[in-house]
Amino acid sequence: MTASVAAPQAVRIALGVLIVFVLPGFAILCAVFPGPKLSPSERLLASVGTSLAMTIYVSVLLGTTPMGLSQESLAVTLGGTTIAASLLAGVRTRYADEA
């Protein structure tokens, strides 16, 4: 049983590229380095590298679970990781500003 959302192929590709190559790494970097500690170009390059590393790690982890590795499981896991890291980044940024 899968839940599919009807979207044009270009939109699906664009969102897939973002969720695999940019967003997880950006959220993790914002959580680890709150504030302007990295220049925008450093943050972008580090985001791509961190996202790739996170995607590989999650793929291997999902491949060893009974649920298995599928498009849906990878999207849900990367999305959940991105949301969790974004929440942590928000908390860290709020408390970094107060300190």
N, C-alpha and C. Protein backbone atom coordinates (compact mmCIF):
# COMPACT_ATOMS: atom_id res chain seq x y z
N MET A 1 0.84 -1.17 0.00
CA MET A 1 0.00 0.00 0.00
C MET A 1 0.88 1.23 0.00
N THR A 2 0.73 2.06 -0.99
CA THR A 2 1.51 3.29 -1.08
C THR A 2 0.58 4.47 -1.23
N ALA A 3 1.02 5.59 -0.72
CA ALA A 3 0.26 6.83 -0.87
C ALA A 3 0.97 7.68 -1.90
N SER A 4 0.34 7.86 -3.04
CA SER A 4 0.94 8.66 -4.10
C SER A 4 0.22 9.99 -4.20
N VAL A 5 1.00 11.01 -4.45
CA VAL A 5 0.45 12.34 -4.66
C VAL A 5 0.63 12.66 -6.13
N ALA A 6 -0.44 13.05 -6.77
CA ALA A 6 -0.37 13.38 -8.19
C ALA A 6 0.34 14.73 -8.34
N ALA A 7 1.52 14.71 -8.93
CA ALA A 7 2.29 15.93 -9.15
C ALA A 7 3.02 15.77 -10.47
N PRO A 8 3.25 16.88 -11.15
CA PRO A 8 4.01 16.80 -12.39
C PRO A 8 5.42 16.24 -12.15
N GLN A 9 5.95 15.57 -13.15
CA GLN A 9 7.26 14.93 -13.02
C GLN A 9 8.35 15.94 -12.65
N ALA A 10 8.31 17.15 -13.21
CA ALA A 10 9.33 18.16 -12.91
C ALA A 10 9.29 18.56 -11.44
N VAL A 11 8.12 18.66 -10.87
CA VAL A 11 7.98 19.00 -9.45
C VAL A 11 8.52 17.88 -8.59
N ARG A 12 8.20 16.65 -8.95
CA ARG A 12 8.70 15.50 -8.18
C ARG A 12 10.22 15.43 -8.22
N ILE A 13 10.82 15.71 -9.37
CA ILE A 13 12.27 15.68 -9.50
C ILE A 13 12.90 16.80 -8.67
N ALA A 14 12.33 18.00 -8.76
CA ALA A 14 12.87 19.13 -8.01
C ALA A 14 12.80 18.88 -6.50
N LEU A 15 11.68 18.38 -6.01
CA LEU A 15 11.55 18.09 -4.59
C LEU A 15 12.46 16.94 -4.17
N GLY A 16 12.62 15.96 -5.04
CA GLY A 16 13.52 14.84 -4.73
C GLY A 16 14.97 15.29 -4.62
N VAL A 17 15.38 16.16 -5.52
CA VAL A 17 16.75 16.69 -5.47
C VAL A 17 16.96 17.47 -4.17
N LEU A 18 15.98 18.29 -3.80
CA LEU A 18 16.10 19.06 -2.56
C LEU A 18 16.17 18.14 -1.34
N ILE A 19 15.30 17.14 -1.27
CA ILE A 19 15.25 16.28 -0.08
C ILE A 19 16.48 15.38 0.01
N VAL A 20 17.14 15.09 -1.11
CA VAL A 20 18.32 14.22 -1.07
C VAL A 20 19.61 15.02 -0.98
N PHE A 21 19.72 16.12 -1.71
CA PHE A 21 21.00 16.81 -1.85
C PHE A 21 21.17 18.08 -1.01
N VAL A 22 20.09 18.66 -0.49
CA VAL A 22 20.26 19.96 0.17
C VAL A 22 19.66 20.01 1.57
N LEU A 23 18.38 19.74 1.71
CA LEU A 23 17.66 20.04 2.95
C LEU A 23 18.17 19.30 4.20
N PRO A 24 18.43 17.99 4.14
CA PRO A 24 18.92 17.34 5.37
C PRO A 24 20.25 17.94 5.87
N GLY A 25 21.16 18.15 4.96
CA GLY A 25 22.46 18.71 5.35
C GLY A 25 22.33 20.12 5.86
N PHE A 26 21.50 20.93 5.21
CA PHE A 26 21.30 22.31 5.66
C PHE A 26 20.73 22.34 7.06
N ALA A 27 19.73 21.50 7.33
CA ALA A 27 19.11 21.47 8.66
C ALA A 27 20.11 20.99 9.71
N ILE A 28 20.89 19.98 9.38
CA ILE A 28 21.89 19.48 10.33
C ILE A 28 22.95 20.53 10.60
N LEU A 29 23.41 21.22 9.56
CA LEU A 29 24.41 22.26 9.75
C LEU A 29 23.87 23.43 10.57
N CYS A 30 22.62 23.79 10.36
CA CYS A 30 22.03 24.86 11.16
C CYS A 30 21.90 24.44 12.63
N ALA A 31 21.69 23.16 12.87
CA ALA A 31 21.61 22.67 14.25
C ALA A 31 22.99 22.64 14.90
N VAL A 32 24.00 22.27 14.13
CA VAL A 32 25.36 22.16 14.68
C VAL A 32 26.03 23.53 14.79
N PHE A 33 25.83 24.37 13.78
CA PHE A 33 26.44 25.69 13.74
C PHE A 33 25.36 26.77 13.69
N PRO A 34 24.70 27.08 14.81
CA PRO A 34 23.66 28.11 14.78
C PRO A 34 24.29 29.48 14.56
N GLY A 35 23.56 30.32 13.87
CA GLY A 35 24.06 31.67 13.62
C GLY A 35 24.95 31.72 12.39
N PRO A 36 25.53 32.89 12.16
CA PRO A 36 26.34 33.09 10.94
C PRO A 36 27.80 32.64 11.10
N LYS A 37 28.01 31.41 11.52
CA LYS A 37 29.38 30.91 11.70
C LYS A 37 30.01 30.46 10.40
N LEU A 38 29.18 30.17 9.40
CA LEU A 38 29.67 29.77 8.08
C LEU A 38 29.19 30.77 7.05
N SER A 39 30.02 31.03 6.05
CA SER A 39 29.60 31.89 4.96
C SER A 39 28.54 31.15 4.13
N PRO A 40 27.74 31.86 3.34
CA PRO A 40 26.71 31.18 2.54
C PRO A 40 27.29 30.12 1.60
N SER A 41 28.44 30.38 0.99
CA SER A 41 29.02 29.39 0.09
C SER A 41 29.52 28.17 0.86
N GLU A 42 30.11 28.39 2.03
CA GLU A 42 30.54 27.26 2.86
C GLU A 42 29.35 26.44 3.32
N ARG A 43 28.29 27.12 3.71
CA ARG A 43 27.09 26.42 4.18
C ARG A 43 26.46 25.60 3.05
N LEU A 44 26.42 26.15 1.83
CA LEU A 44 25.85 25.42 0.70
C LEU A 44 26.67 24.17 0.37
N LEU A 45 27.98 24.33 0.28
CA LEU A 45 28.83 23.17 -0.04
C LEU A 45 28.80 22.12 1.06
N ALA A 46 28.84 22.58 2.31
CA ALA A 46 28.78 21.63 3.42
C ALA A 46 27.41 20.95 3.49
N SER A 47 26.36 21.68 3.09
CA SER A 47 25.01 21.09 3.09
C SER A 47 24.92 19.94 2.09
N VAL A 48 25.50 20.14 0.91
CA VAL A 48 25.47 19.08 -0.10
C VAL A 48 26.23 17.86 0.39
N GLY A 49 27.42 18.06 0.94
CA GLY A 49 28.21 16.94 1.44
C GLY A 49 27.55 16.22 2.60
N THR A 50 27.00 16.99 3.54
CA THR A 50 26.33 16.40 4.69
C THR A 50 25.06 15.67 4.26
N SER A 51 24.34 16.23 3.30
CA SER A 51 23.13 15.56 2.80
C SER A 51 23.46 14.24 2.13
N LEU A 52 24.50 14.23 1.32
CA LEU A 52 24.90 12.97 0.67
C LEU A 52 25.31 11.93 1.71
N ALA A 53 26.09 12.34 2.70
CA ALA A 53 26.50 11.40 3.75
C ALA A 53 25.29 10.89 4.51
N MET A 54 24.35 11.78 4.83
CA MET A 54 23.15 11.38 5.55
C MET A 54 22.29 10.43 4.72
N THR A 55 22.16 10.70 3.43
CA THR A 55 21.37 9.83 2.55
C THR A 55 21.98 8.44 2.45
N ILE A 56 23.30 8.37 2.34
CA ILE A 56 23.97 7.07 2.29
C ILE A 56 23.77 6.33 3.60
N TYR A 57 23.96 7.02 4.72
CA TYR A 57 23.80 6.39 6.04
C TYR A 57 22.37 5.86 6.21
N VAL A 58 21.39 6.68 5.89
CA VAL A 58 19.98 6.27 6.04
C VAL A 58 19.66 5.11 5.10
N SER A 59 20.20 5.13 3.89
CA SER A 59 19.94 4.05 2.93
C SER A 59 20.48 2.72 3.43
N VAL A 60 21.69 2.73 3.97
CA VAL A 60 22.27 1.51 4.51
C VAL A 60 21.48 1.04 5.73
N LEU A 61 21.09 1.98 6.58
CA LEU A 61 20.32 1.63 7.77
C LEU A 61 18.96 1.03 7.38
N LEU A 62 18.29 1.65 6.43
CA LEU A 62 16.99 1.11 6.00
C LEU A 62 17.13 -0.24 5.30
N GLY A 63 18.23 -0.44 4.60
CA GLY A 63 18.46 -1.71 3.93
C GLY A 63 18.62 -2.87 4.89
N THR A 64 18.99 -2.58 6.13
CA THR A 64 19.18 -3.65 7.11
C THR A 64 17.95 -3.88 7.98
N THR A 65 16.93 -3.08 7.81
CA THR A 65 15.72 -3.24 8.62
C THR A 65 14.71 -4.12 7.89
N PRO A 66 13.76 -4.70 8.61
CA PRO A 66 12.72 -5.50 7.97
C PRO A 66 11.85 -4.67 7.02
N MET A 67 11.73 -3.37 7.29
CA MET A 67 10.93 -2.49 6.43
C MET A 67 11.56 -2.39 5.04
N GLY A 68 12.87 -2.39 4.98
CA GLY A 68 13.56 -2.35 3.71
C GLY A 68 13.72 -0.94 3.16
N LEU A 69 14.47 -0.86 2.09
CA LEU A 69 14.74 0.41 1.43
C LEU A 69 13.82 0.56 0.24
N SER A 70 13.02 1.61 0.27
CA SER A 70 12.13 1.93 -0.85
C SER A 70 12.08 3.45 -0.98
N GLN A 71 11.47 3.93 -2.04
CA GLN A 71 11.35 5.38 -2.21
C GLN A 71 10.59 6.00 -1.05
N GLU A 72 9.54 5.34 -0.63
CA GLU A 72 8.72 5.88 0.43
C GLU A 72 9.46 5.90 1.76
N SER A 73 10.12 4.79 2.10
CA SER A 73 10.82 4.74 3.38
C SER A 73 11.98 5.73 3.42
N LEU A 74 12.67 5.90 2.31
CA LEU A 74 13.77 6.87 2.26
C LEU A 74 13.23 8.29 2.38
N ALA A 75 12.14 8.60 1.69
CA ALA A 75 11.57 9.95 1.75
C ALA A 75 11.07 10.27 3.15
N VAL A 76 10.39 9.32 3.77
CA VAL A 76 9.87 9.55 5.12
C VAL A 76 11.01 9.71 6.12
N THR A 77 12.03 8.88 6.03
CA THR A 77 13.14 8.96 6.97
C THR A 77 13.94 10.25 6.79
N LEU A 78 14.25 10.61 5.55
CA LEU A 78 14.98 11.86 5.31
C LEU A 78 14.13 13.07 5.69
N GLY A 79 12.84 13.01 5.40
CA GLY A 79 11.96 14.11 5.78
C GLY A 79 11.86 14.25 7.30
N GLY A 80 11.74 13.13 7.99
CA GLY A 80 11.69 13.17 9.45
C GLY A 80 12.98 13.68 10.06
N THR A 81 14.10 13.25 9.50
CA THR A 81 15.39 13.73 9.97
C THR A 81 15.53 15.22 9.74
N THR A 82 15.09 15.69 8.59
CA THR A 82 15.17 17.11 8.27
C THR A 82 14.30 17.93 9.22
N ILE A 83 13.10 17.47 9.50
CA ILE A 83 12.22 18.18 10.42
C ILE A 83 12.80 18.20 11.82
N ALA A 84 13.31 17.06 12.29
CA ALA A 84 13.90 17.00 13.63
C ALA A 84 15.12 17.92 13.74
N ALA A 85 15.98 17.90 12.73
CA ALA A 85 17.16 18.78 12.76
C ALA A 85 16.75 20.24 12.67
N SER A 86 15.70 20.55 11.92
CA SER A 86 15.22 21.93 11.83
C SER A 86 14.68 22.42 13.17
N LEU A 87 13.94 21.57 13.86
CA LEU A 87 13.45 21.93 15.19
C LEU A 87 14.60 22.16 16.16
N LEU A 88 15.59 21.28 16.12
CA LEU A 88 16.77 21.45 16.98
C LEU A 88 17.51 22.73 16.63
N ALA A 89 17.62 23.04 15.35
CA ALA A 89 18.29 24.27 14.92
C ALA A 89 17.53 25.49 15.43
N GLY A 90 16.21 25.44 15.38
CA GLY A 90 15.42 26.56 15.90
C GLY A 90 15.63 26.78 17.38
N VAL A 91 15.65 25.70 18.14
CA VAL A 91 15.88 25.81 19.58
C VAL A 91 17.28 26.33 19.86
N ARG A 92 18.28 25.78 19.17
CA ARG A 92 19.66 26.22 19.40
C ARG A 92 19.85 27.67 19.00
N THR A 93 19.22 28.09 17.90
CA THR A 93 19.34 29.49 17.48
C THR A 93 18.69 30.43 18.47
N ARG A 94 17.53 30.03 18.99
CA ARG A 94 16.85 30.87 19.98
C ARG A 94 17.71 31.04 21.23
N TYR A 95 18.28 29.96 21.73
CA TYR A 95 19.08 30.05 22.95
C TYR A 95 20.45 30.64 22.69
N ALA A 96 20.98 30.53 21.46
CA ALA A 96 22.26 31.15 21.14
C ALA A 96 22.11 32.67 21.09
N ASP A 97 20.93 33.16 20.66
CA ASP A 97 20.68 34.59 20.62
C ASP A 97 20.53 35.17 22.01
N GLU A 98 19.98 34.40 22.95
CA GLU A 98 19.79 34.87 24.31
C GLU A 98 21.08 34.88 25.11
N ALA A 99 22.03 34.03 24.75
CA ALA A 99 23.27 33.92 25.53
C ALA A 99 24.24 35.03 25.21
